[in-house]
Amino acid sequence: MLAMLWNLSAAIRGYLRFYMPTNRALDWMRTARGVGWAVPIALLAVPAYLAAVAIASELAERPGLAWLNMLVLLFFWNAAKFAWMAVLSLPVWLSRFVAFVRTSS
């Protein structure tokens, strides 16, 4: 039973890793070319997702639209992912910049 649940969770993770656009964007931002773009993308994506959270939460308060709470969670999760990627990419970018400066001098 545990092996079946493990395999199912691995399959779901693989599907989400490959097909969800935010996961693909975050994977690209972890590459050498994308790490420099992590902060500018986060500066655009985080406020956009938080605005979507505000809009979806306002709409979810209306009768019959409670299913929009799932979108509120999804939008907030995506905003948190991009914000965390921006925080984590700064030390990586700085270490690569320092290494570049040391090798070019």
C-alpha atoms as a PDB file:
ATOM      1  CA  MET A   1       0.000   0.000   0.000  1.00  0.00           C
ATOM      2  CA  LEU A   2       2.801   2.387   0.880  1.00  0.00           C
ATOM      3  CA  ALA A   3       4.621   1.587  -2.364  1.00  0.00           C
ATOM      4  CA  MET A   4       1.457   2.283  -4.365  1.00  0.00           C
ATOM      5  CA  LEU A   5       0.983   5.664  -2.667  1.00  0.00           C
ATOM      6  CA  TRP A   6       4.657   6.473  -3.207  1.00  0.00           C
ATOM      7  CA  ASN A   7       4.418   5.647  -6.922  1.00  0.00           C
ATOM      8  CA  LEU A   8       1.183   7.609  -7.283  1.00  0.00           C
ATOM      9  CA  SER A   9       2.683  10.688  -5.631  1.00  0.00           C
ATOM     10  CA  ALA A  10       5.773  10.413  -7.847  1.00  0.00           C
ATOM     11  CA  ALA A  11       3.586  10.223 -10.949  1.00  0.00           C
ATOM     12  CA  ILE A  12       1.531  13.250  -9.875  1.00  0.00           C
ATOM     13  CA  ARG A  13       4.710  15.204  -9.100  1.00  0.00           C
ATOM     14  CA  GLY A  14       6.156  14.335 -12.508  1.00  0.00           C
ATOM     15  CA  TYR A  15       2.968  15.416 -14.254  1.00  0.00           C
ATOM     16  CA  LEU A  16       2.794  18.714 -12.367  1.00  0.00           C
ATOM     17  CA  ARG A  17       6.507  19.367 -12.849  1.00  0.00           C
ATOM     18  CA  PHE A  18       6.219  18.993 -16.600  1.00  0.00           C
ATOM     19  CA  TYR A  19       2.834  20.469 -17.483  1.00  0.00           C
ATOM     20  CA  MET A  20       2.243  23.348 -15.066  1.00  0.00           C
ATOM     21  CA  PRO A  21       3.568  26.642 -16.486  1.00  0.00           C
ATOM     22  CA  THR A  22       4.761  28.113 -13.195  1.00  0.00           C
ATOM     23  CA  ASN A  23       6.799  25.010 -12.407  1.00  0.00           C
ATOM     24  CA  ARG A  24       8.405  25.159 -15.841  1.00  0.00           C
ATOM     25  CA  ALA A  25       9.218  28.850 -15.324  1.00  0.00           C
ATOM     26  CA  LEU A  26      10.750  28.127 -11.930  1.00  0.00           C
ATOM     27  CA  ASP A  27      12.802  25.276 -13.385  1.00  0.00           C
ATOM     28  CA  TRP A  28      14.138  27.674 -16.018  1.00  0.00           C
ATOM     29  CA  MET A  29      14.951  30.276 -13.352  1.00  0.00           C
ATOM     30  CA  ARG A  30      17.118  27.697 -11.568  1.00  0.00           C
ATOM     31  CA  THR A  31      19.381  27.373 -14.628  1.00  0.00           C
ATOM     32  CA  ALA A  32      22.514  29.430 -15.199  1.00  0.00           C
ATOM     33  CA  ARG A  33      20.782  31.670 -17.748  1.00  0.00           C
ATOM     34  CA  GLY A  34      17.580  32.072 -15.778  1.00  0.00           C
ATOM     35  CA  VAL A  35      18.964  32.935 -12.352  1.00  0.00           C
ATOM     36  CA  GLY A  36      19.515  36.539 -13.392  1.00  0.00           C
ATOM     37  CA  TRP A  37      15.884  36.843 -14.423  1.00  0.00           C
ATOM     38  CA  ALA A  38      14.421  35.462 -11.185  1.00  0.00           C
ATOM     39  CA  VAL A  39      14.104  38.787  -9.372  1.00  0.00           C
ATOM     40  CA  PRO A  40      12.630  40.783 -12.306  1.00  0.00           C
ATOM     41  CA  ILE A  41      10.141  38.008 -13.041  1.00  0.00           C
ATOM     42  CA  ALA A  42       9.214  37.803  -9.358  1.00  0.00           C
ATOM     43  CA  LEU A  43       8.710  41.570  -9.209  1.00  0.00           C
ATOM     44  CA  LEU A  44       6.093  41.193 -11.924  1.00  0.00           C
ATOM     45  CA  ALA A  45       4.574  37.837 -11.004  1.00  0.00           C
ATOM     46  CA  VAL A  46       4.125  38.232  -7.244  1.00  0.00           C
ATOM     47  CA  PRO A  47       1.971  41.404  -7.366  1.00  0.00           C
ATOM     48  CA  ALA A  48       0.006  39.977 -10.297  1.00  0.00           C
ATOM     49  CA  TYR A  49      -0.741  36.756  -8.413  1.00  0.00           C
ATOM     50  CA  LEU A  50      -1.614  38.666  -5.237  1.00  0.00           C
ATOM     51  CA  ALA A  51      -4.025  40.841  -7.240  1.00  0.00           C
ATOM     52  CA  ALA A  52      -5.552  37.641  -8.607  1.00  0.00           C
ATOM     53  CA  VAL A  53      -5.871  36.391  -5.009  1.00  0.00           C
ATOM     54  CA  ALA A  54      -7.732  39.558  -4.047  1.00  0.00           C
ATOM     55  CA  ILE A  55     -10.083  39.346  -7.031  1.00  0.00           C
ATOM     56  CA  ALA A  56     -10.769  35.639  -6.604  1.00  0.00           C
ATOM     57  CA  SER A  57     -11.381  35.993  -2.872  1.00  0.00           C
ATOM     58  CA  GLU A  58     -13.865  38.804  -3.492  1.00  0.00           C
ATOM     59  CA  LEU A  59     -15.674  36.685  -6.062  1.00  0.00           C
ATOM     60  CA  ALA A  60     -15.601  33.607  -3.806  1.00  0.00           C
ATOM     61  CA  GLU A  61     -17.639  35.441  -1.175  1.00  0.00           C
ATOM     62  CA  ARG A  62     -20.619  35.538  -3.530  1.00  0.00           C
ATOM     63  CA  PRO A  63     -23.213  32.798  -3.199  1.00  0.00           C
ATOM     64  CA  GLY A  64     -22.548  29.794  -5.409  1.00  0.00           C
ATOM     65  CA  LEU A  65     -18.939  30.681  -6.165  1.00  0.00           C
ATOM     66  CA  ALA A  66     -17.222  29.048  -3.197  1.00  0.00           C
ATOM     67  CA  TRP A  67     -15.240  26.828  -5.583  1.00  0.00           C
ATOM     68  CA  LEU A  68     -13.139  29.913  -6.357  1.00  0.00           C
ATOM     69  CA  ASN A  69     -11.427  29.391  -3.003  1.00  0.00           C
ATOM     70  CA  MET A  70      -9.336  26.745  -4.780  1.00  0.00           C
ATOM     71  CA  LEU A  71      -8.136  29.451  -7.162  1.00  0.00           C
ATOM     72  CA  VAL A  72      -7.332  31.676  -4.194  1.00  0.00           C
ATOM     73  CA  LEU A  73      -5.095  28.945  -2.800  1.00  0.00           C
ATOM     74  CA  LEU A  74      -3.520  28.280  -6.195  1.00  0.00           C
ATOM     75  CA  PHE A  75      -2.784  31.948  -6.853  1.00  0.00           C
ATOM     76  CA  PHE A  76      -1.341  32.433  -3.380  1.00  0.00           C
ATOM     77  CA  TRP A  77       0.816  29.316  -3.726  1.00  0.00           C
ATOM     78  CA  ASN A  78       2.185  30.570  -7.057  1.00  0.00           C
ATOM     79  CA  ALA A  79       2.921  34.010  -5.566  1.00  0.00           C
ATOM     80  CA  ALA A  80       4.761  32.353  -2.688  1.00  0.00           C
ATOM     81  CA  LYS A  81       6.773  30.168  -5.093  1.00  0.00           C
ATOM     82  CA  PHE A  82       7.929  33.144  -7.151  1.00  0.00           C
ATOM     83  CA  ALA A  83       8.721  35.224  -4.053  1.00  0.00           C
ATOM     84  CA  TRP A  84      10.737  32.390  -2.544  1.00  0.00           C
ATOM     85  CA  MET A  85      12.582  31.861  -5.831  1.00  0.00           C
ATOM     86  CA  ALA A  86      13.574  35.537  -5.862  1.00  0.00           C
ATOM     87  CA  VAL A  87      14.889  35.285  -2.305  1.00  0.00           C
ATOM     88  CA  LEU A  88      16.853  32.108  -3.052  1.00  0.00           C
ATOM     89  CA  SER A  89      18.256  33.326  -6.355  1.00  0.00           C
ATOM     90  CA  LEU A  90      19.945  36.422  -4.907  1.00  0.00           C
ATOM     91  CA  PRO A  91      22.775  34.543  -3.113  1.00  0.00           C
ATOM     92  CA  VAL A  92      23.257  32.276  -6.133  1.00  0.00           C
ATOM     93  CA  TRP A  93      23.426  35.236  -8.488  1.00  0.00           C
ATOM     94  CA  LEU A  94      25.812  37.122  -6.205  1.00  0.00           C
ATOM     95  CA  SER A  95      28.148  34.136  -5.865  1.00  0.00           C
ATOM     96  CA  ARG A  96      28.219  33.697  -9.647  1.00  0.00           C
ATOM     97  CA  PHE A  97      28.860  37.415 -10.111  1.00  0.00           C
ATOM     98  CA  VAL A  98      31.713  37.382  -7.604  1.00  0.00           C
ATOM     99  CA  ALA A  99      33.226  34.312  -9.286  1.00  0.00           C
ATOM    100  CA  PHE A 100      32.956  36.051 -12.657  1.00  0.00           C
ATOM    101  CA  VAL A 101      34.657  39.200 -11.349  1.00  0.00           C
ATOM    102  CA  ARG A 102      37.471  37.169  -9.803  1.00  0.00           C
ATOM    103  CA  THR A 103      38.139  35.232 -13.005  1.00  0.00           C
ATOM    104  CA  SER A 104      38.025  38.289 -15.273  1.00  0.00           C
ATOM    105  CA  SER A 105      40.485  40.353 -13.205  1.00  0.00           C
END
